[in-house]
């Protein structure tokens, strides 16, 4: 990692798949904060990034709790600096029809995807707007556009966070803060997906590192040609 790290990128929702890939990519040009509820993945990834010459700060935090987000953000600003990029990568994906979905699962899914994005975006915007620059990227999904019957919790949560991204874009982009929603249209190549969908071939899956390149591209667009919504999908995926 030879690029000079002048900026700060915050990746919220760092798991073994897409979150880790995004963190690795942005660590090539930024000091990165790795935010997740559990410590093992972010601690291990931080060690990997540091061994490669990068700067990484693992931060254990619950994105669904306002106080936890405020404390995490304050720590990031103190130890790394004011963020230039926020990637919000909510990861809860329950399956279930209406009657199969409990109220608790429905609410928790909304909190992870939408409320957490609201809290983190609001936190970074307090510093990005006065500066007149910054990027907020939100991970979307097929269910945010055309949910299936088994997405009674996931679909509404992704619809809501897509709506939040549109609200923020109309509000923040004229103030210099780029907001983009990435519709990840397909299954991501990660251990859990391989376990539950063993019939899928490599070409059926989105590679996390390839998606991460799309995030990097969005974060570095000239402001004369900003993208607000981007679809990424395998070449053979129907849509």
Foldseek 3Di string as FASTA:
>chain_A
DPADAPFEEEEAPQDPAQSLLLQLVCQVHHQYEYEEQDDPRQVVSQVVSVVVPGHYHYQHFDLLDLVRLVVRQVVCCVPGRQHQEYEQEQDDAAWAAPVRDDPVNLVVLLSRQAVSLVSNVVSSCVPCLVVLHHEYEYEAEPLLPPNDRGRPRNNVSRVNNLVVLVVCCVVCLVSNYHGAYEYEYAAAPDDVCCVVPVVDDPLRHDHSNVVSVVVVCQSPDDSVDHDHYHYDGRPPDDD
